[in-house]
Amino acid sequence: PTIKSPLLLLILMLSSMLSSAALAADTNQVTINKPRQG
């Protein structure tokens, strides 16, 4: 119950990484010229 298992921590880390990767894959990146100040 105290969630000290290395296996559980690894699983949680992998789940977080997979979720972040999935979100990044769904995000369209747009490269632009740096706008002038103002």
ModelCIF file with pLDDT and N, C-alpha, C, O atoms, coordinates in Angstrom:
data_MODEL
#
_entry.id   MODEL 
#
_entity.id                         1 
_entity.type                       polymer 
_entity.pdbx_number_of_molecules   1 
#
_entity_poly.entity_id                      1 
_entity_poly.type                           'polypeptide(L)' 
_entity_poly.nstd_linkage                   no 
_entity_poly.nstd_monomer                   no 
_entity_poly.pdbx_seq_one_letter_code       PTIKSPLLLLILMLSSMLSSAALAADTNQVTINKPRQG 
_entity_poly.pdbx_seq_one_letter_code_can   PTIKSPLLLLILMLSSMLSSAALAADTNQVTINKPRQG 
_entity_poly.pdbx_strand_id                 A 
#
loop_
_entity_poly_seq.entity_id 
_entity_poly_seq.num 
_entity_poly_seq.mon_id 
_entity_poly_seq.hetero 
1 1  PRO n 
1 2  THR n 
1 3  ILE n 
1 4  LYS n 
1 5  SER n 
1 6  PRO n 
1 7  LEU n 
1 8  LEU n 
1 9  LEU n 
1 10 LEU n 
1 11 ILE n 
1 12 LEU n 
1 13 MET n 
1 14 LEU n 
1 15 SER n 
1 16 SER n 
1 17 MET n 
1 18 LEU n 
1 19 SER n 
1 20 SER n 
1 21 ALA n 
1 22 ALA n 
1 23 LEU n 
1 24 ALA n 
1 25 ALA n 
1 26 ASP n 
1 27 THR n 
1 28 ASN n 
1 29 GLN n 
1 30 VAL n 
1 31 THR n 
1 32 ILE n 
1 33 ASN n 
1 34 LYS n 
1 35 PRO n 
1 36 ARG n 
1 37 GLN n 
1 38 GLY n 
#
_struct_asym.id          A 
_struct_asym.entity_id   1 
#
loop_
_ma_qa_metric.id 
_ma_qa_metric.mode 
_ma_qa_metric.name 
_ma_qa_metric.software_group_id 
_ma_qa_metric.type 
1 global pLDDT . pLDDT 
2 local  pLDDT . pLDDT 
#
_ma_qa_metric_global.metric_id      1 
_ma_qa_metric_global.metric_value   63.84 
_ma_qa_metric_global.model_id       1 
_ma_qa_metric_global.ordinal_id     1 
#
loop_
_ma_qa_metric_local.label_asym_id 
_ma_qa_metric_local.label_comp_id 
_ma_qa_metric_local.label_seq_id 
_ma_qa_metric_local.metric_id 
_ma_qa_metric_local.metric_value 
_ma_qa_metric_local.model_id 
_ma_qa_metric_local.ordinal_id 
A PRO 1  2 41.00 1 1  
A THR 2  2 45.00 1 2  
A ILE 3  2 44.00 1 3  
A LYS 4  2 50.00 1 4  
A SER 5  2 58.00 1 5  
A PRO 6  2 61.00 1 6  
A LEU 7  2 61.00 1 7  
A LEU 8  2 56.00 1 8  
A LEU 9  2 57.00 1 9  
A LEU 10 2 62.00 1 10 
A ILE 11 2 58.00 1 11 
A LEU 12 2 58.00 1 12 
A MET 13 2 61.00 1 13 
A LEU 14 2 59.00 1 14 
A SER 15 2 58.00 1 15 
A SER 16 2 58.00 1 16 
A MET 17 2 58.00 1 17 
A LEU 18 2 52.00 1 18 
A SER 19 2 49.00 1 19 
A SER 20 2 48.00 1 20 
A ALA 21 2 49.00 1 21 
A ALA 22 2 46.00 1 22 
A LEU 23 2 45.00 1 23 
A ALA 24 2 47.00 1 24 
A ALA 25 2 51.00 1 25 
A ASP 26 2 70.00 1 26 
A THR 27 2 77.00 1 27 
A ASN 28 2 89.00 1 28 
A GLN 29 2 92.00 1 29 
A VAL 30 2 94.00 1 30 
A THR 31 2 93.00 1 31 
A ILE 32 2 94.00 1 32 
A ASN 33 2 91.00 1 33 
A LYS 34 2 88.00 1 34 
A PRO 35 2 85.00 1 35 
A ARG 36 2 80.00 1 36 
A GLN 37 2 73.00 1 37 
A GLY 38 2 68.00 1 38 
#
loop_
_atom_site.group_PDB 
_atom_site.id 
_atom_site.type_symbol 
_atom_site.label_atom_id 
_atom_site.label_alt_id 
_atom_site.label_comp_id 
_atom_site.label_asym_id 
_atom_site.label_entity_id 
_atom_site.label_seq_id 
_atom_site.pdbx_PDB_ins_code 
_atom_site.Cartn_x 
_atom_site.Cartn_y 
_atom_site.Cartn_z 
_atom_site.occupancy 
_atom_site.B_iso_or_equiv 
_atom_site.pdbx_formal_charge 
_atom_site.auth_seq_id 
_atom_site.auth_comp_id 
_atom_site.auth_asym_id 
_atom_site.auth_atom_id 
_atom_site.pdbx_PDB_model_num 
ATOM 1   N N  . PRO A 1 1  ? 0.802  -1.221 0.000   1.00 41.00 ? 1  PRO A N  1 
ATOM 2   C CA . PRO A 1 1  ? 0.000  0.000  0.000   1.00 41.00 ? 1  PRO A CA 1 
ATOM 3   C C  . PRO A 1 1  ? 0.837  1.273  0.000   1.00 41.00 ? 1  PRO A C  1 
ATOM 4   O O  . PRO A 1 1  ? 0.365  2.325  -0.432  1.00 41.00 ? 1  PRO A O  1 
ATOM 5   N N  . THR A 1 2  ? 2.082  1.186  0.484   1.00 45.00 ? 2  THR A N  1 
ATOM 6   C CA . THR A 1 2  ? 2.911  2.390  0.526   1.00 45.00 ? 2  THR A CA 1 
ATOM 7   C C  . THR A 1 2  ? 3.576  2.681  -0.809  1.00 45.00 ? 2  THR A C  1 
ATOM 8   O O  . THR A 1 2  ? 4.305  3.667  -0.917  1.00 45.00 ? 2  THR A O  1 
ATOM 9   N N  . ILE A 1 3  ? 3.353  1.856  -1.835  1.00 44.00 ? 3  ILE A N  1 
ATOM 10  C CA . ILE A 1 3  ? 3.844  2.034  -3.204  1.00 44.00 ? 3  ILE A CA 1 
ATOM 11  C C  . ILE A 1 3  ? 5.362  2.257  -3.220  1.00 44.00 ? 3  ILE A C  1 
ATOM 12  O O  . ILE A 1 3  ? 5.856  3.226  -3.797  1.00 44.00 ? 3  ILE A O  1 
ATOM 13  N N  . LYS A 1 4  ? 6.089  1.335  -2.570  1.00 50.00 ? 4  LYS A N  1 
ATOM 14  C CA . LYS A 1 4  ? 7.542  1.420  -2.578  1.00 50.00 ? 4  LYS A CA 1 
ATOM 15  C C  . LYS A 1 4  ? 8.168  0.450  -3.571  1.00 50.00 ? 4  LYS A C  1 
ATOM 16  O O  . LYS A 1 4  ? 9.392  0.403  -3.699  1.00 50.00 ? 4  LYS A O  1 
ATOM 17  N N  . SER A 1 5  ? 7.351  -0.323 -4.274  1.00 58.00 ? 5  SER A N  1 
ATOM 18  C CA . SER A 1 5  ? 7.878  -1.329 -5.197  1.00 58.00 ? 5  SER A CA 1 
ATOM 19  C C  . SER A 1 5  ? 8.555  -0.668 -6.391  1.00 58.00 ? 5  SER A C  1 
ATOM 20  O O  . SER A 1 5  ? 7.946  0.183  -7.040  1.00 58.00 ? 5  SER A O  1 
ATOM 21  N N  . PRO A 1 6  ? 9.805  -1.037 -6.701  1.00 61.00 ? 6  PRO A N  1 
ATOM 22  C CA . PRO A 1 6  ? 10.478 -0.519 -7.908  1.00 61.00 ? 6  PRO A CA 1 
ATOM 23  C C  . PRO A 1 6  ? 9.714  -0.836 -9.178  1.00 61.00 ? 6  PRO A C  1 
ATOM 24  O O  . PRO A 1 6  ? 9.688  -0.035 -10.112 1.00 61.00 ? 6  PRO A O  1 
ATOM 25  N N  . LEU A 1 7  ? 9.073  -2.042 -9.213  1.00 61.00 ? 7  LEU A N  1 
ATOM 26  C CA . LEU A 1 7  ? 8.317  -2.418 -10.399 1.00 61.00 ? 7  LEU A CA 1 
ATOM 27  C C  . LEU A 1 7  ? 7.137  -1.478 -10.618 1.00 61.00 ? 7  LEU A C  1 
ATOM 28  O O  . LEU A 1 7  ? 6.857  -1.061 -11.742 1.00 61.00 ? 7  LEU A O  1 
ATOM 29  N N  . LEU A 1 8  ? 6.455  -1.154 -9.532  1.00 56.00 ? 8  LEU A N  1 
ATOM 30  C CA . LEU A 1 8  ? 5.298  -0.257 -9.648  1.00 56.00 ? 8  LEU A CA 1 
ATOM 31  C C  . LEU A 1 8  ? 5.743  1.136  -10.096 1.00 56.00 ? 8  LEU A C  1 
ATOM 32  O O  . LEU A 1 8  ? 5.104  1.748  -10.952 1.00 56.00 ? 8  LEU A O  1 
ATOM 33  N N  . LEU A 1 9  ? 6.832  1.634  -9.523  1.00 57.00 ? 9  LEU A N  1 
ATOM 34  C CA . LEU A 1 9  ? 7.329  2.941  -9.918  1.00 57.00 ? 9  LEU A CA 1 
ATOM 35  C C  . LEU A 1 9  ? 7.710  2.972  -11.395 1.00 57.00 ? 9  LEU A C  1 
ATOM 36  O O  . LEU A 1 9  ? 7.458  3.951  -12.097 1.00 57.00 ? 9  LEU A O  1 
ATOM 37  N N  . LEU A 1 10 ? 8.329  1.865  -11.855 1.00 62.00 ? 10 LEU A N  1 
ATOM 38  C CA . LEU A 1 10 ? 8.704  1.781  -13.265 1.00 62.00 ? 10 LEU A CA 1 
ATOM 39  C C  . LEU A 1 10 ? 7.478  1.796  -14.157 1.00 62.00 ? 10 LEU A C  1 
ATOM 40  O O  . LEU A 1 10 ? 7.463  2.444  -15.204 1.00 62.00 ? 10 LEU A O  1 
ATOM 41  N N  . ILE A 1 11 ? 6.436  1.066  -13.724 1.00 58.00 ? 11 ILE A N  1 
ATOM 42  C CA . ILE A 1 11 ? 5.200  1.009  -14.507 1.00 58.00 ? 11 ILE A CA 1 
ATOM 43  C C  . ILE A 1 11 ? 4.558  2.385  -14.598 1.00 58.00 ? 11 ILE A C  1 
ATOM 44  O O  . ILE A 1 11 ? 4.095  2.799  -15.661 1.00 58.00 ? 11 ILE A O  1 
ATOM 45  N N  . LEU A 1 12 ? 4.538  3.096  -13.455 1.00 58.00 ? 12 LEU A N  1 
ATOM 46  C CA . LEU A 1 12 ? 3.941  4.429  -13.448 1.00 58.00 ? 12 LEU A CA 1 
ATOM 47  C C  . LEU A 1 12 ? 4.730  5.389  -14.335 1.00 58.00 ? 12 LEU A C  1 
ATOM 48  O O  . LEU A 1 12 ? 4.141  6.211  -15.037 1.00 58.00 ? 12 LEU A O  1 
ATOM 49  N N  . MET A 1 13 ? 6.059  5.288  -14.306 1.00 61.00 ? 13 MET A N  1 
ATOM 50  C CA . MET A 1 13 ? 6.886  6.142  -15.147 1.00 61.00 ? 13 MET A CA 1 
ATOM 51  C C  . MET A 1 13 ? 6.658  5.862  -16.624 1.00 61.00 ? 13 MET A C  1 
ATOM 52  O O  . MET A 1 13 ? 6.565  6.783  -17.436 1.00 61.00 ? 13 MET A O  1 
ATOM 53  N N  . LEU A 1 14 ? 6.568  4.569  -16.964 1.00 59.00 ? 14 LEU A N  1 
ATOM 54  C CA . LEU A 1 14 ? 6.326  4.203  -18.360 1.00 59.00 ? 14 LEU A CA 1 
ATOM 55  C C  . LEU A 1 14 ? 4.968  4.700  -18.829 1.00 59.00 ? 14 LEU A C  1 
ATOM 56  O O  . LEU A 1 14 ? 4.829  5.181  -19.953 1.00 59.00 ? 14 LEU A O  1 
ATOM 57  N N  . SER A 1 15 ? 3.962  4.581  -17.958 1.00 58.00 ? 15 SER A N  1 
ATOM 58  C CA . SER A 1 15 ? 2.620  5.051  -18.321 1.00 58.00 ? 15 SER A CA 1 
ATOM 59  C C  . SER A 1 15 ? 2.621  6.541  -18.589 1.00 58.00 ? 15 SER A C  1 
ATOM 60  O O  . SER A 1 15 ? 2.009  7.008  -19.549 1.00 58.00 ? 15 SER A O  1 
ATOM 61  N N  . SER A 1 16 ? 3.331  7.310  -17.712 1.00 58.00 ? 16 SER A N  1 
ATOM 62  C CA . SER A 1 16 ? 3.412  8.754  -17.891 1.00 58.00 ? 16 SER A CA 1 
ATOM 63  C C  . SER A 1 16 ? 4.129  9.112  -19.183 1.00 58.00 ? 16 SER A C  1 
ATOM 64  O O  . SER A 1 16 ? 3.709  10.014 -19.908 1.00 58.00 ? 16 SER A O  1 
ATOM 65  N N  . MET A 1 17 ? 5.228  8.390  -19.471 1.00 58.00 ? 17 MET A N  1 
ATOM 66  C CA . MET A 1 17 ? 5.984  8.667  -20.688 1.00 58.00 ? 17 MET A CA 1 
ATOM 67  C C  . MET A 1 17 ? 5.164  8.372  -21.932 1.00 58.00 ? 17 MET A C  1 
ATOM 68  O O  . MET A 1 17 ? 5.201  9.129  -22.902 1.00 58.00 ? 17 MET A O  1 
ATOM 69  N N  . LEU A 1 18 ? 4.418  7.261  -21.900 1.00 52.00 ? 18 LEU A N  1 
ATOM 70  C CA . LEU A 1 18 ? 3.586  6.903  -23.049 1.00 52.00 ? 18 LEU A CA 1 
ATOM 71  C C  . LEU A 1 18 ? 2.490  7.938  -23.267 1.00 52.00 ? 18 LEU A C  1 
ATOM 72  O O  . LEU A 1 18 ? 2.180  8.299  -24.402 1.00 52.00 ? 18 LEU A O  1 
ATOM 73  N N  . SER A 1 19 ? 1.896  8.419  -22.146 1.00 49.00 ? 19 SER A N  1 
ATOM 74  C CA . SER A 1 19 ? 0.844  9.435  -22.274 1.00 49.00 ? 19 SER A CA 1 
ATOM 75  C C  . SER A 1 19 ? 1.399  10.721 -22.856 1.00 49.00 ? 19 SER A C  1 
ATOM 76  O O  . SER A 1 19 ? 0.765  11.351 -23.702 1.00 49.00 ? 19 SER A O  1 
ATOM 77  N N  . SER A 1 20 ? 2.605  11.119 -22.396 1.00 48.00 ? 20 SER A N  1 
ATOM 78  C CA . SER A 1 20 ? 3.222  12.338 -22.908 1.00 48.00 ? 20 SER A CA 1 
ATOM 79  C C  . SER A 1 20 ? 3.574  12.202 -24.379 1.00 48.00 ? 20 SER A C  1 
ATOM 80  O O  . SER A 1 20 ? 3.408  13.136 -25.163 1.00 48.00 ? 20 SER A O  1 
ATOM 81  N N  . ALA A 1 21 ? 4.068  11.010 -24.742 1.00 49.00 ? 21 ALA A N  1 
ATOM 82  C CA . ALA A 1 21 ? 4.425  10.783 -26.143 1.00 49.00 ? 21 ALA A CA 1 
ATOM 83  C C  . ALA A 1 21 ? 3.192  10.834 -27.034 1.00 49.00 ? 21 ALA A C  1 
ATOM 84  O O  . ALA A 1 21 ? 3.234  11.374 -28.140 1.00 49.00 ? 21 ALA A O  1 
ATOM 85  N N  . ALA A 1 22 ? 2.083  10.261 -26.539 1.00 46.00 ? 22 ALA A N  1 
ATOM 86  C CA . ALA A 1 22 ? 0.845  10.269 -27.327 1.00 46.00 ? 22 ALA A CA 1 
ATOM 87  C C  . ALA A 1 22 ? 0.336  11.691 -27.514 1.00 46.00 ? 22 ALA A C  1 
ATOM 88  O O  . ALA A 1 22 ? -0.137 12.055 -28.590 1.00 46.00 ? 22 ALA A O  1 
ATOM 89  N N  . LEU A 1 23 ? 0.440  12.512 -26.426 1.00 45.00 ? 23 LEU A N  1 
ATOM 90  C CA . LEU A 1 23 ? 0.003  13.901 -26.530 1.00 45.00 ? 23 LEU A CA 1 
ATOM 91  C C  . LEU A 1 23 ? 0.866  14.672 -27.519 1.00 45.00 ? 23 LEU A C  1 
ATOM 92  O O  . LEU A 1 23 ? 0.358  15.454 -28.322 1.00 45.00 ? 23 LEU A O  1 
ATOM 93  N N  . ALA A 1 24 ? 2.201  14.441 -27.453 1.00 47.00 ? 24 ALA A N  1 
ATOM 94  C CA . ALA A 1 24 ? 3.107  15.128 -28.368 1.00 47.00 ? 24 ALA A CA 1 
ATOM 95  C C  . ALA A 1 24 ? 2.835  14.744 -29.812 1.00 47.00 ? 24 ALA A C  1 
ATOM 96  O O  . ALA A 1 24 ? 2.921  15.577 -30.715 1.00 47.00 ? 24 ALA A O  1 
ATOM 97  N N  . ALA A 1 25 ? 2.496  13.445 -30.027 1.00 51.00 ? 25 ALA A N  1 
ATOM 98  C CA . ALA A 1 25 ? 2.231  12.980 -31.387 1.00 51.00 ? 25 ALA A CA 1 
ATOM 99  C C  . ALA A 1 25 ? 0.992  13.650 -31.968 1.00 51.00 ? 25 ALA A C  1 
ATOM 100 O O  . ALA A 1 25 ? 0.880  13.807 -33.184 1.00 51.00 ? 25 ALA A O  1 
ATOM 101 N N  . ASP A 1 26 ? 0.050  14.051 -31.089 1.00 70.00 ? 26 ASP A N  1 
ATOM 102 C CA . ASP A 1 26 ? -1.183 14.681 -31.558 1.00 70.00 ? 26 ASP A CA 1 
ATOM 103 C C  . ASP A 1 26 ? -1.047 16.194 -31.711 1.00 70.00 ? 26 ASP A C  1 
ATOM 104 O O  . ASP A 1 26 ? -1.978 16.847 -32.180 1.00 70.00 ? 26 ASP A O  1 
ATOM 105 N N  . THR A 1 27 ? 0.094  16.760 -31.324 1.00 77.00 ? 27 THR A N  1 
ATOM 106 C CA . THR A 1 27 ? 0.314  18.197 -31.395 1.00 77.00 ? 27 THR A CA 1 
ATOM 107 C C  . THR A 1 27 ? 1.051  18.558 -32.674 1.00 77.00 ? 27 THR A C  1 
ATOM 108 O O  . THR A 1 27 ? 2.100  17.991 -32.979 1.00 77.00 ? 27 THR A O  1 
ATOM 109 N N  . ASN A 1 28 ? 0.496  19.504 -33.418 1.00 89.00 ? 28 ASN A N  1 
ATOM 110 C CA . ASN A 1 28 ? 1.126  19.964 -34.651 1.00 89.00 ? 28 ASN A CA 1 
ATOM 111 C C  . ASN A 1 28 ? 2.084  21.115 -34.331 1.00 89.00 ? 28 ASN A C  1 
ATOM 112 O O  . ASN A 1 28 ? 1.680  22.119 -33.745 1.00 89.00 ? 28 ASN A O  1 
ATOM 113 N N  . GLN A 1 29 ? 3.334  20.966 -34.713 1.00 92.00 ? 29 GLN A N  1 
ATOM 114 C CA . GLN A 1 29 ? 4.332  21.999 -34.460 1.00 92.00 ? 29 GLN A CA 1 
ATOM 115 C C  . GLN A 1 29 ? 4.460  22.917 -35.663 1.00 92.00 ? 29 GLN A C  1 
ATOM 116 O O  . GLN A 1 29 ? 4.565  22.457 -36.800 1.00 92.00 ? 29 GLN A O  1 
ATOM 117 N N  . VAL A 1 30 ? 4.450  24.224 -35.402 1.00 94.00 ? 30 VAL A N  1 
ATOM 118 C CA . VAL A 1 30 ? 4.558  25.233 -36.450 1.00 94.00 ? 30 VAL A CA 1 
ATOM 119 C C  . VAL A 1 30 ? 5.815  26.061 -36.196 1.00 94.00 ? 30 VAL A C  1 
ATOM 120 O O  . VAL A 1 30 ? 5.955  26.670 -35.135 1.00 94.00 ? 30 VAL A O  1 
ATOM 121 N N  . THR A 1 31 ? 6.716  26.084 -37.151 1.00 93.00 ? 31 THR A N  1 
ATOM 122 C CA . THR A 1 31 ? 7.937  26.865 -37.038 1.00 93.00 ? 31 THR A CA 1 
ATOM 123 C C  . THR A 1 31 ? 7.729  28.202 -37.742 1.00 93.00 ? 31 THR A C  1 
ATOM 124 O O  . THR A 1 31 ? 7.331  28.247 -38.906 1.00 93.00 ? 31 THR A O  1 
ATOM 125 N N  . ILE A 1 32 ? 8.002  29.283 -37.026 1.00 94.00 ? 32 ILE A N  1 
ATOM 126 C CA . ILE A 1 32 ? 7.746  30.625 -37.549 1.00 94.00 ? 32 ILE A CA 1 
ATOM 127 C C  . ILE A 1 32 ? 9.005  31.488 -37.443 1.00 94.00 ? 32 ILE A C  1 
ATOM 128 O O  . ILE A 1 32 ? 9.952  31.146 -36.735 1.00 94.00 ? 32 ILE A O  1 
ATOM 129 N N  . ASN A 1 33 ? 8.995  32.594 -38.149 1.00 91.00 ? 33 ASN A N  1 
ATOM 130 C CA . ASN A 1 33 ? 10.030 33.603 -37.981 1.00 91.00 ? 33 ASN A CA 1 
ATOM 131 C C  . ASN A 1 33 ? 9.813  34.306 -36.645 1.00 91.00 ? 33 ASN A C  1 
ATOM 132 O O  . ASN A 1 33 ? 8.671  34.550 -36.257 1.00 91.00 ? 33 ASN A O  1 
ATOM 133 N N  . LYS A 1 34 ? 10.875 34.629 -35.946 1.00 88.00 ? 34 LYS A N  1 
ATOM 134 C CA . LYS A 1 34 ? 10.759 35.330 -34.672 1.00 88.00 ? 34 LYS A CA 1 
ATOM 135 C C  . LYS A 1 34 ? 10.131 36.700 -34.897 1.00 88.00 ? 34 LYS A C  1 
ATOM 136 O O  . LYS A 1 34 ? 10.709 37.528 -35.601 1.00 88.00 ? 34 LYS A O  1 
ATOM 137 N N  . PRO A 1 35 ? 8.945  36.963 -34.308 1.00 85.00 ? 35 PRO A N  1 
ATOM 138 C CA . PRO A 1 35 ? 8.298  38.265 -34.535 1.00 85.00 ? 35 PRO A CA 1 
ATOM 139 C C  . PRO A 1 35 ? 9.126  39.407 -33.971 1.00 85.00 ? 35 PRO A C  1 
ATOM 140 O O  . PRO A 1 35 ? 9.758  39.272 -32.923 1.00 85.00 ? 35 PRO A O  1 
ATOM 141 N N  . ARG A 1 36 ? 9.117  40.540 -34.678 1.00 80.00 ? 36 ARG A N  1 
ATOM 142 C CA . ARG A 1 36 ? 9.799  41.725 -34.165 1.00 80.00 ? 36 ARG A CA 1 
ATOM 143 C C  . ARG A 1 36 ? 9.075  42.240 -32.921 1.00 80.00 ? 36 ARG A C  1 
ATOM 144 O O  . ARG A 1 36 ? 7.860  42.091 -32.796 1.00 80.00 ? 36 ARG A O  1 
ATOM 145 N N  . GLN A 1 37 ? 9.818  42.834 -32.021 1.00 73.00 ? 37 GLN A N  1 
ATOM 146 C CA . GLN A 1 37 ? 9.233  43.377 -30.807 1.00 73.00 ? 37 GLN A CA 1 
ATOM 147 C C  . GLN A 1 37 ? 8.153  44.396 -31.164 1.00 73.00 ? 37 GLN A C  1 
ATOM 148 O O  . GLN A 1 37 ? 8.390  45.319 -31.942 1.00 73.00 ? 37 GLN A O  1 
ATOM 149 N N  . GLY A 1 38 ? 6.975  44.219 -30.589 1.00 68.00 ? 38 GLY A N  1 
ATOM 150 C CA . GLY A 1 38 ? 5.869  45.127 -30.856 1.00 68.00 ? 38 GLY A CA 1 
ATOM 151 C C  . GLY A 1 38 ? 5.126  44.834 -32.142 1.00 68.00 ? 38 GLY A C  1 
ATOM 152 O O  . GLY A 1 38 ? 4.170  45.534 -32.476 1.00 68.00 ? 38 GLY A O  1 
#
